Amino acid sequence: MKIMLIATAVIALSATSVFAQETKPAANPDGDTPAVATPSEQNATAPVEGANSFTEGQAKDRIVEAGYADVTDLKLDDKGVWQAKATKDGKSVMVSLDYQGNIVAK
C-alpha cells in the first residue's frame, strides 16, 4: 500500500512539472506606446481611456509639474481621465490627465 502511494505521488509530481514547462506568451511586439508618459514622450491618441490609479493629489501635482497653475475642479470622469480647469501662460484651459500620465490641454 505504501509503495502504491509513493508511486502515485511520483506520477502526480512528474505530470505537474510538464505543465510548469509551458512557455508564456511573448510580450506585445507592437507595444511602442509607453505605459506611462514622460515629459518628452506622450501618446498621440491621448487622453487614453482606462483605469486610472492616480490619486487626486497625484493628478494635481502632475498637472502642476507640467507647467499649469491654479488647478481647480479636478474630477475623475467615467472614462478614467482626470479633468480640471487650469491656467498656463495666463490663459484659462481645460486639462486632461489619463492613466498613462498624458496631459492634454483643450
N, C-alpha and C. Protein backbone atom coordinates (compact mmCIF):
# COMPACT_ATOMS: atom_id res chain seq x y z
N MET A 1 0.83 -1.18 0.00
CA MET A 1 0.00 0.00 0.00
C MET A 1 0.88 1.26 0.00
N LYS A 2 1.95 1.20 0.80
CA LYS A 2 2.86 2.33 0.90
C LYS A 2 3.53 2.60 -0.44
N ILE A 3 3.91 1.55 -1.12
CA ILE A 3 4.56 1.68 -2.42
C ILE A 3 3.59 2.28 -3.44
N MET A 4 2.33 1.92 -3.35
CA MET A 4 1.31 2.45 -4.26
C MET A 4 1.15 3.96 -4.05
N LEU A 5 1.17 4.42 -2.81
CA LEU A 5 1.04 5.84 -2.52
C LEU A 5 2.26 6.62 -3.04
N ILE A 6 3.43 6.06 -2.84
CA ILE A 6 4.67 6.70 -3.31
C ILE A 6 4.66 6.77 -4.84
N ALA A 7 4.27 5.72 -5.50
CA ALA A 7 4.22 5.70 -6.96
C ALA A 7 3.22 6.72 -7.48
N THR A 8 2.09 6.82 -6.84
CA THR A 8 1.07 7.81 -7.24
C THR A 8 1.61 9.22 -7.06
N ALA A 9 2.30 9.49 -5.97
CA ALA A 9 2.87 10.81 -5.72
C ALA A 9 3.92 11.16 -6.77
N VAL A 10 4.76 10.21 -7.13
CA VAL A 10 5.80 10.44 -8.14
C VAL A 10 5.16 10.76 -9.49
N ILE A 11 4.14 10.03 -9.87
CA ILE A 11 3.46 10.28 -11.14
C ILE A 11 2.80 11.66 -11.14
N ALA A 12 2.16 12.02 -10.05
CA ALA A 12 1.50 13.32 -9.95
C ALA A 12 2.51 14.46 -10.04
N LEU A 13 3.64 14.33 -9.37
CA LEU A 13 4.66 15.37 -9.42
C LEU A 13 5.27 15.50 -10.81
N SER A 14 5.49 14.38 -11.47
CA SER A 14 6.08 14.45 -12.81
C SER A 14 5.09 15.07 -13.80
N ALA A 15 3.82 14.84 -13.63
CA ALA A 15 2.82 15.43 -14.52
C ALA A 15 2.75 16.94 -14.33
N THR A 16 2.85 17.43 -13.09
CA THR A 16 2.80 18.87 -12.87
C THR A 16 4.04 19.57 -13.38
N SER A 17 5.18 18.88 -13.38
CA SER A 17 6.40 19.52 -13.89
C SER A 17 6.32 19.72 -15.39
N VAL A 18 5.59 18.88 -16.10
CA VAL A 18 5.41 19.04 -17.53
C VAL A 18 4.60 20.31 -17.80
N PHE A 19 3.55 20.54 -17.03
CA PHE A 19 2.74 21.75 -17.21
C PHE A 19 3.52 23.00 -16.84
N ALA A 20 4.40 22.90 -15.89
CA ALA A 20 5.17 24.07 -15.46
C ALA A 20 6.15 24.52 -16.52
N GLN A 21 6.48 23.66 -17.47
CA GLN A 21 7.44 24.00 -18.51
C GLN A 21 6.81 24.66 -19.72
N GLU A 22 5.50 24.94 -19.69
CA GLU A 22 4.87 25.62 -20.81
C GLU A 22 5.47 27.00 -20.96
N THR A 23 5.63 27.43 -22.19
CA THR A 23 6.18 28.76 -22.43
C THR A 23 5.08 29.80 -22.32
N LYS A 24 5.45 30.95 -21.80
CA LYS A 24 4.50 32.04 -21.67
C LYS A 24 4.46 32.82 -22.97
N PRO A 25 3.33 33.48 -23.26
CA PRO A 25 3.28 34.26 -24.49
C PRO A 25 4.29 35.40 -24.46
N ALA A 26 4.82 35.71 -25.62
CA ALA A 26 5.81 36.79 -25.73
C ALA A 26 5.14 38.14 -25.50
N ALA A 27 5.92 39.11 -25.11
CA ALA A 27 5.40 40.46 -24.95
C ALA A 27 4.94 40.99 -26.29
N ASN A 28 4.03 41.94 -26.27
CA ASN A 28 3.49 42.51 -27.49
C ASN A 28 4.59 43.15 -28.31
N PRO A 29 4.89 42.66 -29.51
CA PRO A 29 5.96 43.24 -30.31
C PRO A 29 5.61 44.63 -30.85
N ASP A 30 4.32 44.95 -30.86
CA ASP A 30 3.89 46.26 -31.36
C ASP A 30 3.65 47.24 -30.23
N GLY A 31 4.15 46.96 -29.06
CA GLY A 31 3.90 47.79 -27.88
C GLY A 31 4.80 49.00 -27.81
N ASP A 32 4.75 49.86 -28.81
CA ASP A 32 5.63 51.03 -28.79
C ASP A 32 5.01 52.23 -28.09
N THR A 33 3.80 52.11 -27.59
CA THR A 33 3.20 53.17 -26.80
C THR A 33 3.58 52.94 -25.35
N PRO A 34 4.21 53.93 -24.70
CA PRO A 34 4.64 53.71 -23.32
C PRO A 34 3.46 53.54 -22.38
N ALA A 35 3.64 52.72 -21.36
CA ALA A 35 2.60 52.53 -20.36
C ALA A 35 2.43 53.79 -19.54
N VAL A 36 3.50 54.51 -19.36
CA VAL A 36 3.46 55.77 -18.61
C VAL A 36 4.15 56.83 -19.45
N ALA A 37 3.47 57.96 -19.62
CA ALA A 37 4.04 59.04 -20.41
C ALA A 37 5.16 59.73 -19.63
N THR A 38 6.11 60.25 -20.34
CA THR A 38 7.19 61.03 -19.73
C THR A 38 7.09 62.44 -20.29
N PRO A 39 7.77 63.40 -19.69
CA PRO A 39 7.68 64.76 -20.23
C PRO A 39 8.10 64.86 -21.70
N SER A 40 8.98 63.97 -22.15
CA SER A 40 9.44 64.04 -23.53
C SER A 40 8.63 63.17 -24.49
N GLU A 41 7.82 62.26 -23.97
CA GLU A 41 7.02 61.37 -24.80
C GLU A 41 5.58 61.37 -24.33
N GLN A 42 4.67 61.41 -25.30
CA GLN A 42 3.26 61.39 -24.95
C GLN A 42 2.53 60.58 -26.02
N ASN A 43 1.53 59.85 -25.63
CA ASN A 43 0.74 59.07 -26.55
C ASN A 43 -0.01 60.01 -27.47
N ALA A 44 0.12 59.80 -28.77
CA ALA A 44 -0.52 60.69 -29.74
C ALA A 44 -2.03 60.64 -29.68
N THR A 45 -2.59 59.58 -29.13
CA THR A 45 -4.04 59.45 -29.04
C THR A 45 -4.57 59.86 -27.67
N ALA A 46 -3.76 60.55 -26.88
CA ALA A 46 -4.16 60.96 -25.53
C ALA A 46 -5.29 61.98 -25.58
N PRO A 47 -6.11 62.03 -24.55
CA PRO A 47 -6.07 61.20 -23.36
C PRO A 47 -6.65 59.81 -23.62
N VAL A 48 -6.03 58.82 -23.03
CA VAL A 48 -6.39 57.43 -23.25
C VAL A 48 -7.34 56.97 -22.14
N GLU A 49 -8.42 56.36 -22.55
CA GLU A 49 -9.41 55.84 -21.62
C GLU A 49 -8.86 54.61 -20.91
N GLY A 50 -9.10 54.49 -19.61
CA GLY A 50 -8.65 53.31 -18.88
C GLY A 50 -8.67 53.52 -17.38
N ALA A 51 -8.44 52.46 -16.64
CA ALA A 51 -8.45 52.50 -15.18
C ALA A 51 -7.30 53.37 -14.69
N ASN A 52 -7.63 54.45 -14.01
CA ASN A 52 -6.64 55.43 -13.58
C ASN A 52 -6.28 55.20 -12.12
N SER A 53 -4.99 55.06 -11.83
CA SER A 53 -4.56 54.80 -10.46
C SER A 53 -4.02 56.05 -9.77
N PHE A 54 -3.99 57.18 -10.48
CA PHE A 54 -3.54 58.42 -9.85
C PHE A 54 -4.56 58.87 -8.81
N THR A 55 -4.09 59.24 -7.63
CA THR A 55 -4.98 59.85 -6.65
C THR A 55 -5.22 61.29 -7.08
N GLU A 56 -6.17 61.95 -6.45
CA GLU A 56 -6.45 63.34 -6.78
C GLU A 56 -5.21 64.21 -6.56
N GLY A 57 -4.52 63.99 -5.45
CA GLY A 57 -3.31 64.75 -5.15
C GLY A 57 -2.21 64.52 -6.17
N GLN A 58 -2.03 63.26 -6.57
CA GLN A 58 -1.00 62.93 -7.56
C GLN A 58 -1.35 63.55 -8.91
N ALA A 59 -2.63 63.52 -9.27
CA ALA A 59 -3.06 64.10 -10.54
C ALA A 59 -2.79 65.60 -10.54
N LYS A 60 -3.14 66.28 -9.46
CA LYS A 60 -2.91 67.73 -9.38
C LYS A 60 -1.42 68.03 -9.44
N ASP A 61 -0.61 67.30 -8.70
CA ASP A 61 0.84 67.51 -8.70
C ASP A 61 1.42 67.32 -10.11
N ARG A 62 0.96 66.31 -10.81
CA ARG A 62 1.49 66.02 -12.15
C ARG A 62 1.11 67.15 -13.12
N ILE A 63 -0.10 67.67 -12.99
CA ILE A 63 -0.54 68.78 -13.85
C ILE A 63 0.29 70.03 -13.56
N VAL A 64 0.52 70.31 -12.28
CA VAL A 64 1.32 71.47 -11.89
C VAL A 64 2.75 71.32 -12.40
N GLU A 65 3.32 70.12 -12.27
CA GLU A 65 4.68 69.87 -12.75
C GLU A 65 4.80 70.06 -14.26
N ALA A 66 3.68 69.94 -14.97
CA ALA A 66 3.69 70.13 -16.42
C ALA A 66 3.59 71.61 -16.80
N GLY A 67 3.55 72.49 -15.80
CA GLY A 67 3.57 73.91 -16.08
C GLY A 67 2.23 74.62 -15.96
N TYR A 68 1.23 73.94 -15.44
CA TYR A 68 -0.09 74.54 -15.26
C TYR A 68 -0.20 75.09 -13.84
N ALA A 69 -1.01 76.14 -13.69
CA ALA A 69 -1.22 76.74 -12.37
C ALA A 69 -2.72 76.83 -12.11
N ASP A 70 -3.06 77.19 -10.87
CA ASP A 70 -4.47 77.38 -10.49
C ASP A 70 -5.35 76.21 -10.91
N VAL A 71 -4.94 75.00 -10.59
CA VAL A 71 -5.70 73.80 -10.95
C VAL A 71 -6.93 73.71 -10.05
N THR A 72 -8.12 73.75 -10.66
CA THR A 72 -9.37 73.69 -9.90
C THR A 72 -10.34 72.71 -10.54
N ASP A 73 -11.40 72.39 -9.82
CA ASP A 73 -12.46 71.49 -10.31
C ASP A 73 -11.92 70.17 -10.85
N LEU A 74 -10.93 69.61 -10.17
CA LEU A 74 -10.32 68.35 -10.59
C LEU A 74 -11.26 67.20 -10.27
N LYS A 75 -11.66 66.47 -11.33
CA LYS A 75 -12.60 65.36 -11.17
C LYS A 75 -12.21 64.22 -12.09
N LEU A 76 -12.42 62.99 -11.60
CA LEU A 76 -12.17 61.79 -12.40
C LEU A 76 -13.46 61.46 -13.14
N ASP A 77 -13.41 61.43 -14.49
CA ASP A 77 -14.63 61.17 -15.25
C ASP A 77 -14.88 59.66 -15.39
N ASP A 78 -15.99 59.32 -16.03
CA ASP A 78 -16.38 57.91 -16.16
C ASP A 78 -15.50 57.12 -17.12
N LYS A 79 -14.60 57.76 -17.83
CA LYS A 79 -13.66 57.09 -18.74
C LYS A 79 -12.30 56.87 -18.08
N GLY A 80 -12.14 57.30 -16.82
CA GLY A 80 -10.87 57.13 -16.11
C GLY A 80 -9.88 58.24 -16.38
N VAL A 81 -10.37 59.40 -16.82
CA VAL A 81 -9.50 60.54 -17.14
C VAL A 81 -9.78 61.67 -16.15
N TRP A 82 -8.71 62.19 -15.54
CA TRP A 82 -8.85 63.35 -14.66
C TRP A 82 -9.07 64.59 -15.52
N GLN A 83 -10.07 65.39 -15.17
CA GLN A 83 -10.40 66.63 -15.88
C GLN A 83 -10.28 67.79 -14.89
N ALA A 84 -9.74 68.93 -15.33
CA ALA A 84 -9.58 70.08 -14.45
C ALA A 84 -9.54 71.37 -15.25
N LYS A 85 -9.77 72.46 -14.55
CA LYS A 85 -9.55 73.79 -15.10
C LYS A 85 -8.19 74.24 -14.59
N ALA A 86 -7.44 74.94 -15.42
CA ALA A 86 -6.12 75.41 -15.02
C ALA A 86 -5.75 76.62 -15.87
N THR A 87 -4.62 77.22 -15.54
CA THR A 87 -4.09 78.31 -16.37
C THR A 87 -2.67 77.97 -16.78
N LYS A 88 -2.32 78.42 -17.99
CA LYS A 88 -0.94 78.27 -18.47
C LYS A 88 -0.66 79.47 -19.37
N ASP A 89 0.45 80.12 -19.10
CA ASP A 89 0.82 81.32 -19.85
C ASP A 89 -0.29 82.37 -19.80
N GLY A 90 -0.96 82.46 -18.65
CA GLY A 90 -2.00 83.46 -18.45
C GLY A 90 -3.33 83.13 -19.10
N LYS A 91 -3.45 81.97 -19.74
CA LYS A 91 -4.69 81.58 -20.41
C LYS A 91 -5.38 80.47 -19.63
N SER A 92 -6.71 80.54 -19.55
CA SER A 92 -7.51 79.51 -18.90
C SER A 92 -7.72 78.36 -19.88
N VAL A 93 -7.46 77.14 -19.42
CA VAL A 93 -7.60 75.95 -20.27
C VAL A 93 -8.26 74.82 -19.49
N MET A 94 -8.81 73.86 -20.21
CA MET A 94 -9.27 72.61 -19.62
C MET A 94 -8.13 71.61 -19.81
N VAL A 95 -7.82 70.87 -18.77
CA VAL A 95 -6.69 69.94 -18.80
C VAL A 95 -7.20 68.53 -18.50
N SER A 96 -6.67 67.55 -19.23
CA SER A 96 -6.99 66.14 -19.01
C SER A 96 -5.72 65.39 -18.69
N LEU A 97 -5.81 64.45 -17.75
CA LEU A 97 -4.69 63.58 -17.38
C LEU A 97 -5.20 62.15 -17.41
N ASP A 98 -4.63 61.32 -18.30
CA ASP A 98 -5.08 59.94 -18.39
C ASP A 98 -4.24 59.00 -17.53
N TYR A 99 -4.57 57.73 -17.53
CA TYR A 99 -3.89 56.76 -16.67
C TYR A 99 -2.43 56.55 -17.05
N GLN A 100 -2.06 56.90 -18.28
CA GLN A 100 -0.67 56.77 -18.71
C GLN A 100 0.17 57.96 -18.27
N GLY A 101 -0.49 59.03 -17.81
CA GLY A 101 0.23 60.23 -17.41
C GLY A 101 0.26 61.29 -18.49
N ASN A 102 -0.43 61.03 -19.61
CA ASN A 102 -0.51 62.02 -20.68
C ASN A 102 -1.35 63.21 -20.23
N ILE A 103 -0.86 64.41 -20.48
CA ILE A 103 -1.59 65.63 -20.14
C ILE A 103 -1.94 66.34 -21.44
N VAL A 104 -3.22 66.65 -21.59
CA VAL A 104 -3.70 67.30 -22.80
C VAL A 104 -4.50 68.54 -22.39
N ALA A 105 -4.22 69.66 -23.02
CA ALA A 105 -4.97 70.89 -22.78
C ALA A 105 -5.93 71.12 -23.93
N LYS A 106 -7.13 71.57 -23.56
CA LYS A 106 -8.15 71.86 -24.59
C LYS A 106 -8.45 73.32 -24.61
